[in-house]
Every structure is written in structure tokens, then in C-alpha cells.
């Protein structure tokens, strides 16, 4: 299946949940927000939500400083 992560096409095997996908990509730590097809997905739902073929994920990382 192909999805887009921050506008980059990525091929993934199976149908992982958002939590599994983020863990596979070492992004499951704190300080990130995820939108699936332009809708923010609450962290509490990451283990239940599965992207489908052609889904668009936007991952935003919080940074400190100014």
C-alpha cells in the first residue's frame, strides 16, 4: 500500500495502525502531532486508526526555542 507522509510517497506493508507506523519510523516519542487526510488524530486514537491506500499523513514536531 502507498501512503504519503509529509508529501513524500511511502510504500508500507500490511495495514499498520498509526501507533505502529510511527513506532516503525522512530516517531512515536512525545512532541508530535499527526493529521490524517487533513484531520488531527488525537494521540489516544493512534492505536485504533489505520491509514488506507493513498492516505495523506502530516506529522508535525514541536520544537523549543525562539
PDB file of N, CA and C in Angstrom:
ATOM      1  N   UNK A   1       0.845  -1.165   0.000  1.00  0.00           N
ATOM      2  CA  UNK A   1       0.000   0.000   0.000  1.00  0.00           C
ATOM      3  C   UNK A   1       0.895   1.233   0.000  1.00  0.00           C
ATOM      4  N   UNK A   2       0.437   2.295  -0.652  1.00  0.00           N
ATOM      5  CA  UNK A   2       1.180   3.547  -0.697  1.00  0.00           C
ATOM      6  C   UNK A   2       0.415   4.618   0.062  1.00  0.00           C
ATOM      7  N   UNK A   3       1.154   5.348   0.893  1.00  0.00           N
ATOM      8  CA  UNK A   3       0.593   6.499   1.587  1.00  0.00           C
ATOM      9  C   UNK A   3       1.573   7.652   1.395  1.00  0.00           C
ATOM     10  N   UNK A   4       1.179   8.808   1.828  1.00  0.00           N
ATOM     11  CA  UNK A   4       2.053   9.972   1.759  1.00  0.00           C
ATOM     12  C   UNK A   4       2.305  10.456   3.172  1.00  0.00           C
ATOM     13  N   UNK A   5       3.588  10.623   3.518  1.00  0.00           N
ATOM     14  CA  UNK A   5       3.964  11.159   4.820  1.00  0.00           C
ATOM     15  C   UNK A   5       4.677  12.473   4.556  1.00  0.00           C
ATOM     16  N   UNK A   6       4.075  13.553   5.015  1.00  0.00           N
ATOM     17  CA  UNK A   6       4.594  14.901   4.762  1.00  0.00           C
ATOM     18  C   UNK A   6       4.923  15.090   3.284  1.00  0.00           C
ATOM     19  N   UNK A   7       3.999  14.703   2.440  1.00  0.00           N
ATOM     20  CA  UNK A   7       4.039  14.871   0.988  1.00  0.00           C
ATOM     21  C   UNK A   7       5.045  13.975   0.276  1.00  0.00           C
ATOM     22  N   UNK A   8       5.602  12.988   0.972  1.00  0.00           N
ATOM     23  CA  UNK A   8       6.520  12.034   0.356  1.00  0.00           C
ATOM     24  C   UNK A   8       5.829  10.686   0.268  1.00  0.00           C
ATOM     25  N   UNK A   9       5.809  10.106  -0.919  1.00  0.00           N
ATOM     26  CA  UNK A   9       5.164   8.808  -1.101  1.00  0.00           C
ATOM     27  C   UNK A   9       5.988   7.724  -0.405  1.00  0.00           C
ATOM     28  N   UNK A  10       5.304   6.894   0.367  1.00  0.00           N
ATOM     29  CA  UNK A  10       5.951   5.828   1.124  1.00  0.00           C
ATOM     30  C   UNK A  10       5.165   4.543   0.901  1.00  0.00           C
ATOM     31  N   UNK A  11       5.878   3.459   0.624  1.00  0.00           N
ATOM     32  CA  UNK A  11       5.228   2.155   0.480  1.00  0.00           C
ATOM     33  C   UNK A  11       5.331   1.431   1.819  1.00  0.00           C
ATOM     34  N   UNK A  12       4.197   0.922   2.303  1.00  0.00           N
ATOM     35  CA  UNK A  12       4.199   0.192   3.571  1.00  0.00           C
ATOM     36  C   UNK A  12       3.555  -1.175   3.365  1.00  0.00           C
ATOM     37  N   UNK A  13       3.968  -2.116   4.174  1.00  0.00           N
ATOM     38  CA  UNK A  13       3.411  -3.466   4.120  1.00  0.00           C
ATOM     39  C   UNK A  13       2.273  -3.585   5.118  1.00  0.00           C
ATOM     40  N   UNK A  14       1.229  -4.271   4.731  1.00  0.00           N
ATOM     41  CA  UNK A  14       0.114  -4.514   5.630  1.00  0.00           C
ATOM     42  C   UNK A  14      -0.708  -3.262   5.857  1.00  0.00           C
ATOM     43  N   UNK A  15      -1.418  -3.276   6.978  1.00  0.00           N
ATOM     44  CA  UNK A  15      -2.257  -2.138   7.360  1.00  0.00           C
ATOM     45  C   UNK A  15      -1.989  -1.763   8.813  1.00  0.00           C
ATOM     46  N   UNK A  16      -0.834  -1.172   9.076  1.00  0.00           N
ATOM     47  CA  UNK A  16      -0.494  -0.829  10.458  1.00  0.00           C
ATOM     48  C   UNK A  16      -1.366   0.309  10.987  1.00  0.00           C
ATOM     49  N   UNK A  17      -1.522   0.338  12.301  1.00  0.00           N
ATOM     50  CA  UNK A  17      -2.186   1.475  12.935  1.00  0.00           C
ATOM     51  C   UNK A  17      -1.227   2.664  12.895  1.00  0.00           C
ATOM     52  N   UNK A  18      -1.727   3.831  13.198  1.00  0.00           N
ATOM     53  CA  UNK A  18      -0.843   4.998  13.268  1.00  0.00           C
ATOM     54  C   UNK A  18       0.253   4.786  14.309  1.00  0.00           C
ATOM     55  N   UNK A  19      -0.099   4.212  15.454  1.00  0.00           N
ATOM     56  CA  UNK A  19       0.893   3.963  16.508  1.00  0.00           C
ATOM     57  C   UNK A  19       2.001   3.044  16.004  1.00  0.00           C
ATOM     58  N   UNK A  20       1.630   1.980  15.300  1.00  0.00           N
ATOM     59  CA  UNK A  20       2.624   1.042  14.772  1.00  0.00           C
ATOM     60  C   UNK A  20       3.487   1.712  13.701  1.00  0.00           C
ATOM     61  N   UNK A  21       2.861   2.469  12.828  1.00  0.00           N
ATOM     62  CA  UNK A  21       3.590   3.145  11.760  1.00  0.00           C
ATOM     63  C   UNK A  21       4.584   4.152  12.321  1.00  0.00           C
ATOM     64  N   UNK A  22       4.163   4.925  13.306  1.00  0.00           N
ATOM     65  CA  UNK A  22       5.056   5.899  13.928  1.00  0.00           C
ATOM     66  C   UNK A  22       6.201   5.209  14.660  1.00  0.00           C
ATOM     67  N   UNK A  23       5.918   4.103  15.327  1.00  0.00           N
ATOM     68  CA  UNK A  23       6.971   3.357  16.033  1.00  0.00           C
ATOM     69  C   UNK A  23       7.981   2.790  15.041  1.00  0.00           C
ATOM     70  N   UNK A  24       7.509   2.274  13.912  1.00  0.00           N
ATOM     71  CA  UNK A  24       8.408   1.734  12.879  1.00  0.00           C
ATOM     72  C   UNK A  24       9.355   2.807  12.352  1.00  0.00           C
ATOM     73  N   UNK A  25       8.908   4.037  12.351  1.00  0.00           N
ATOM     74  CA  UNK A  25       9.702   5.144  11.819  1.00  0.00           C
ATOM     75  C   UNK A  25      10.370   5.964  12.926  1.00  0.00           C
ATOM     76  N   UNK A  26      10.394   5.409  14.146  1.00  0.00           N
ATOM     77  CA  UNK A  26      11.009   6.060  15.307  1.00  0.00           C
ATOM     78  C   UNK A  26      10.443   7.453  15.558  1.00  0.00           C
ATOM     79  N   UNK A  27       9.142   7.589  15.391  1.00  0.00           N
ATOM     80  CA  UNK A  27       8.479   8.875  15.602  1.00  0.00           C
ATOM     81  C   UNK A  27       7.446   8.820  16.715  1.00  0.00           C
ATOM     82  N   UNK A  28       7.427   7.759  17.491  1.00  0.00           N
ATOM     83  CA  UNK A  28       6.383   7.571  18.500  1.00  0.00           C
ATOM     84  C   UNK A  28       6.648   8.328  19.793  1.00  0.00           C
ATOM     85  N   UNK A  29       7.755   9.061  19.861  1.00  0.00           N
ATOM     86  CA  UNK A  29       8.049   9.789  21.097  1.00  0.00           C
ATOM     87  C   UNK A  29       7.133  11.000  21.222  1.00  0.00           C
ATOM     88  N   UNK A  30       7.236  11.698  22.328  1.00  0.00           N
ATOM     89  CA  UNK A  30       6.390  12.857  22.563  1.00  0.00           C
ATOM     90  C   UNK A  30       6.754  14.019  21.658  1.00  0.00           C
ATOM     91  N   UNK A  31       5.911  15.017  21.668  1.00  0.00           N
ATOM     92  CA  UNK A  31       6.214  16.230  20.925  1.00  0.00           C
ATOM     93  C   UNK A  31       5.813  16.215  19.467  1.00  0.00           C
ATOM     94  N   UNK A  32       4.925  15.300  19.073  1.00  0.00           N
ATOM     95  CA  UNK A  32       4.465  15.302  17.691  1.00  0.00           C
ATOM     96  C   UNK A  32       2.944  15.341  17.643  1.00  0.00           C
ATOM     97  N   UNK A  33       2.447  15.855  16.548  1.00  0.00           N
ATOM     98  CA  UNK A  33       1.014  15.832  16.261  1.00  0.00           C
ATOM     99  C   UNK A  33       0.855  15.192  14.893  1.00  0.00           C
ATOM    100  N   UNK A  34      -0.248  14.484  14.707  1.00  0.00           N
ATOM    101  CA  UNK A  34      -0.474  13.766  13.456  1.00  0.00           C
ATOM    102  C   UNK A  34      -1.847  14.131  12.903  1.00  0.00           C
ATOM    103  N   UNK A  35      -1.864  14.423  11.601  1.00  0.00           N
ATOM    104  CA  UNK A  35      -3.134  14.636  10.901  1.00  0.00           C
ATOM    105  C   UNK A  35      -3.229  13.575   9.807  1.00  0.00           C
ATOM    106  N   UNK A  36      -4.384  12.990   9.678  1.00  0.00           N
ATOM    107  CA  UNK A  36      -4.648  12.002   8.638  1.00  0.00           C
ATOM    108  C   UNK A  36      -5.688  12.603   7.704  1.00  0.00           C
ATOM    109  N   UNK A  37      -5.300  12.790   6.455  1.00  0.00           N
ATOM    110  CA  UNK A  37      -6.182  13.411   5.467  1.00  0.00           C
ATOM    111  C   UNK A  37      -6.749  14.739   5.973  1.00  0.00           C
ATOM    112  N   UNK A  38      -5.834  15.559   6.512  1.00  0.00           N
ATOM    113  CA  UNK A  38      -6.135  16.918   6.983  1.00  0.00           C
ATOM    114  C   UNK A  38      -7.017  16.979   8.227  1.00  0.00           C
ATOM    115  N   UNK A  39      -7.099  15.887   8.985  1.00  0.00           N
ATOM    116  CA  UNK A  39      -7.835  15.889  10.255  1.00  0.00           C
ATOM    117  C   UNK A  39      -6.899  15.415  11.357  1.00  0.00           C
ATOM    118  N   UNK A  40      -6.776  16.233  12.390  1.00  0.00           N
ATOM    119  CA  UNK A  40      -5.896  15.880  13.505  1.00  0.00           C
ATOM    120  C   UNK A  40      -6.429  14.621  14.179  1.00  0.00           C
ATOM    121  N   UNK A  41      -5.512  13.697  14.459  1.00  0.00           N
ATOM    122  CA  UNK A  41      -5.878  12.452  15.142  1.00  0.00           C
ATOM    123  C   UNK A  41      -5.362  12.540  16.574  1.00  0.00           C
ATOM    124  N   UNK A  42      -6.243  12.514  17.563  1.00  0.00           N
ATOM    125  CA  UNK A  42      -5.790  12.563  18.957  1.00  0.00           C
ATOM    126  C   UNK A  42      -4.879  11.380  19.283  1.00  0.00           C
ATOM    127  N   UNK A  43      -3.873  11.632  20.080  1.00  0.00           N
ATOM    128  CA  UNK A  43      -2.919  10.583  20.458  1.00  0.00           C
ATOM    129  C   UNK A  43      -3.632   9.346  21.008  1.00  0.00           C
ATOM    130  N   UNK A  44      -4.709   9.530  21.736  1.00  0.00           N
ATOM    131  CA  UNK A  44      -5.451   8.404  22.310  1.00  0.00           C
ATOM    132  C   UNK A  44      -6.046   7.496  21.228  1.00  0.00           C
ATOM    133  N   UNK A  45      -6.165   7.976  20.014  1.00  0.00           N
ATOM    134  CA  UNK A  45      -6.749   7.188  18.919  1.00  0.00           C
ATOM    135  C   UNK A  45      -5.714   6.552  18.002  1.00  0.00           C
ATOM    136  N   UNK A  46      -4.434   6.845  18.196  1.00  0.00           N
ATOM    137  CA  UNK A  46      -3.402   6.333  17.300  1.00  0.00           C
ATOM    138  C   UNK A  46      -3.405   4.810  17.201  1.00  0.00           C
ATOM    139  N   UNK A  47      -3.730   4.119  18.285  1.00  0.00           N
ATOM    140  CA  UNK A  47      -3.719   2.653  18.280  1.00  0.00           C
ATOM    141  C   UNK A  47      -4.935   2.067  17.560  1.00  0.00           C
ATOM    142  N   UNK A  48      -5.919   2.899  17.251  1.00  0.00           N
ATOM    143  CA  UNK A  48      -7.148   2.423  16.617  1.00  0.00           C
ATOM    144  C   UNK A  48      -7.289   2.837  15.154  1.00  0.00           C
ATOM    145  N   UNK A  49      -6.546   3.852  14.740  1.00  0.00           N
ATOM    146  CA  UNK A  49      -6.702   4.406  13.392  1.00  0.00           C
ATOM    147  C   UNK A  49      -5.690   3.769  12.442  1.00  0.00           C
ATOM    148  N   UNK A  50      -6.189   3.339  11.277  1.00  0.00           N
ATOM    149  CA  UNK A  50      -5.333   2.732  10.255  1.00  0.00           C
ATOM    150  C   UNK A  50      -5.448   3.530   8.958  1.00  0.00           C
ATOM    151  N   UNK A  51      -4.310   4.014   8.445  1.00  0.00           N
ATOM    152  CA  UNK A  51      -4.362   4.684   7.149  1.00  0.00           C
ATOM    153  C   UNK A  51      -4.742   3.683   6.053  1.00  0.00           C
ATOM    154  N   UNK A  52      -5.373   4.177   5.014  1.00  0.00           N
ATOM    155  CA  UNK A  52      -5.718   3.342   3.871  1.00  0.00           C
ATOM    156  C   UNK A  52      -4.864   3.768   2.682  1.00  0.00           C
ATOM    157  N   UNK A  53      -4.909   2.975   1.621  1.00  0.00           N
ATOM    158  CA  UNK A  53      -4.127   3.271   0.431  1.00  0.00           C
ATOM    159  C   UNK A  53      -4.411   4.696  -0.045  1.00  0.00           C
ATOM    160  N   UNK A  54      -3.350   5.474  -0.247  1.00  0.00           N
ATOM    161  CA  UNK A  54      -3.490   6.842  -0.711  1.00  0.00           C
ATOM    162  C   UNK A  54      -3.678   7.871   0.391  1.00  0.00           C
ATOM    163  N   UNK A  55      -3.702   7.431   1.651  1.00  0.00           N
ATOM    164  CA  UNK A  55      -3.873   8.360   2.770  1.00  0.00           C
ATOM    165  C   UNK A  55      -2.720   9.354   2.821  1.00  0.00           C
ATOM    166  N   UNK A  56      -3.022  10.533   3.347  1.00  0.00           N
ATOM    167  CA  UNK A  56      -2.011  11.567   3.498  1.00  0.00           C
ATOM    168  C   UNK A  56      -1.817  11.878   4.982  1.00  0.00           C
ATOM    169  N   UNK A  57      -0.623  11.579   5.476  1.00  0.00           N
ATOM    170  CA  UNK A  57      -0.271  11.863   6.869  1.00  0.00           C
ATOM    171  C   UNK A  57       0.571  13.118   6.930  1.00  0.00           C
ATOM    172  N   UNK A  58       0.245  13.980   7.860  1.00  0.00           N
ATOM    173  CA  UNK A  58       1.079  15.131   8.145  1.00  0.00           C
ATOM    174  C   UNK A  58       1.552  14.969   9.572  1.00  0.00           C
ATOM    175  N   UNK A  59       2.871  14.962   9.749  1.00  0.00           N
ATOM    176  CA  UNK A  59       3.457  14.796  11.076  1.00  0.00           C
ATOM    177  C   UNK A  59       4.203  16.076  11.406  1.00  0.00           C
ATOM    178  N   UNK A  60       3.823  16.678  12.520  1.00  0.00           N
ATOM    179  CA  UNK A  60       4.423  17.942  12.941  1.00  0.00           C
ATOM    180  C   UNK A  60       5.156  17.711  14.248  1.00  0.00           C
ATOM    181  N   UNK A  61       6.394  18.167  14.311  1.00  0.00           N
ATOM    182  CA  UNK A  61       7.215  18.018  15.513  1.00  0.00           C
ATOM    183  C   UNK A  61       7.334  19.360  16.211  1.00  0.00           C
ATOM    184  N   UNK A  62       7.046  19.360  17.503  1.00  0.00           N
ATOM    185  CA  UNK A  62       7.186  20.580  18.301  1.00  0.00           C
ATOM    186  C   UNK A  62       8.658  20.796  18.628  1.00  0.00           C
ATOM    187  N   UNK A  63       9.083  22.054  18.582  1.00  0.00           N
ATOM    188  CA  UNK A  63      10.454  22.406  18.940  1.00  0.00           C
ATOM    189  C   UNK A  63      10.429  23.559  19.931  1.00  0.00           C
ATOM    190  N   UNK A  64      11.449  23.606  20.762  1.00  0.00           N
ATOM    191  CA  UNK A  64      11.563  24.697  21.737  1.00  0.00           C
ATOM    192  C   UNK A  64      12.517  25.748  21.208  1.00  0.00           C
ATOM    193  N   UNK A  65      12.380  26.907  21.716  1.00  0.00           N
ATOM    194  CA  UNK A  65      13.305  27.978  21.321  1.00  0.00           C
ATOM    195  C   UNK A  65      12.555  29.159  20.763  1.00  0.00           C
ATOM    196  N   UNK A  66      13.299  30.118  20.320  1.00  0.00           N
ATOM    197  CA  UNK A  66      12.601  31.273  19.800  1.00  0.00           C
ATOM    198  C   UNK A  66      13.467  32.226  19.095  1.00  0.00           C
TER     199      UNK A  66
END
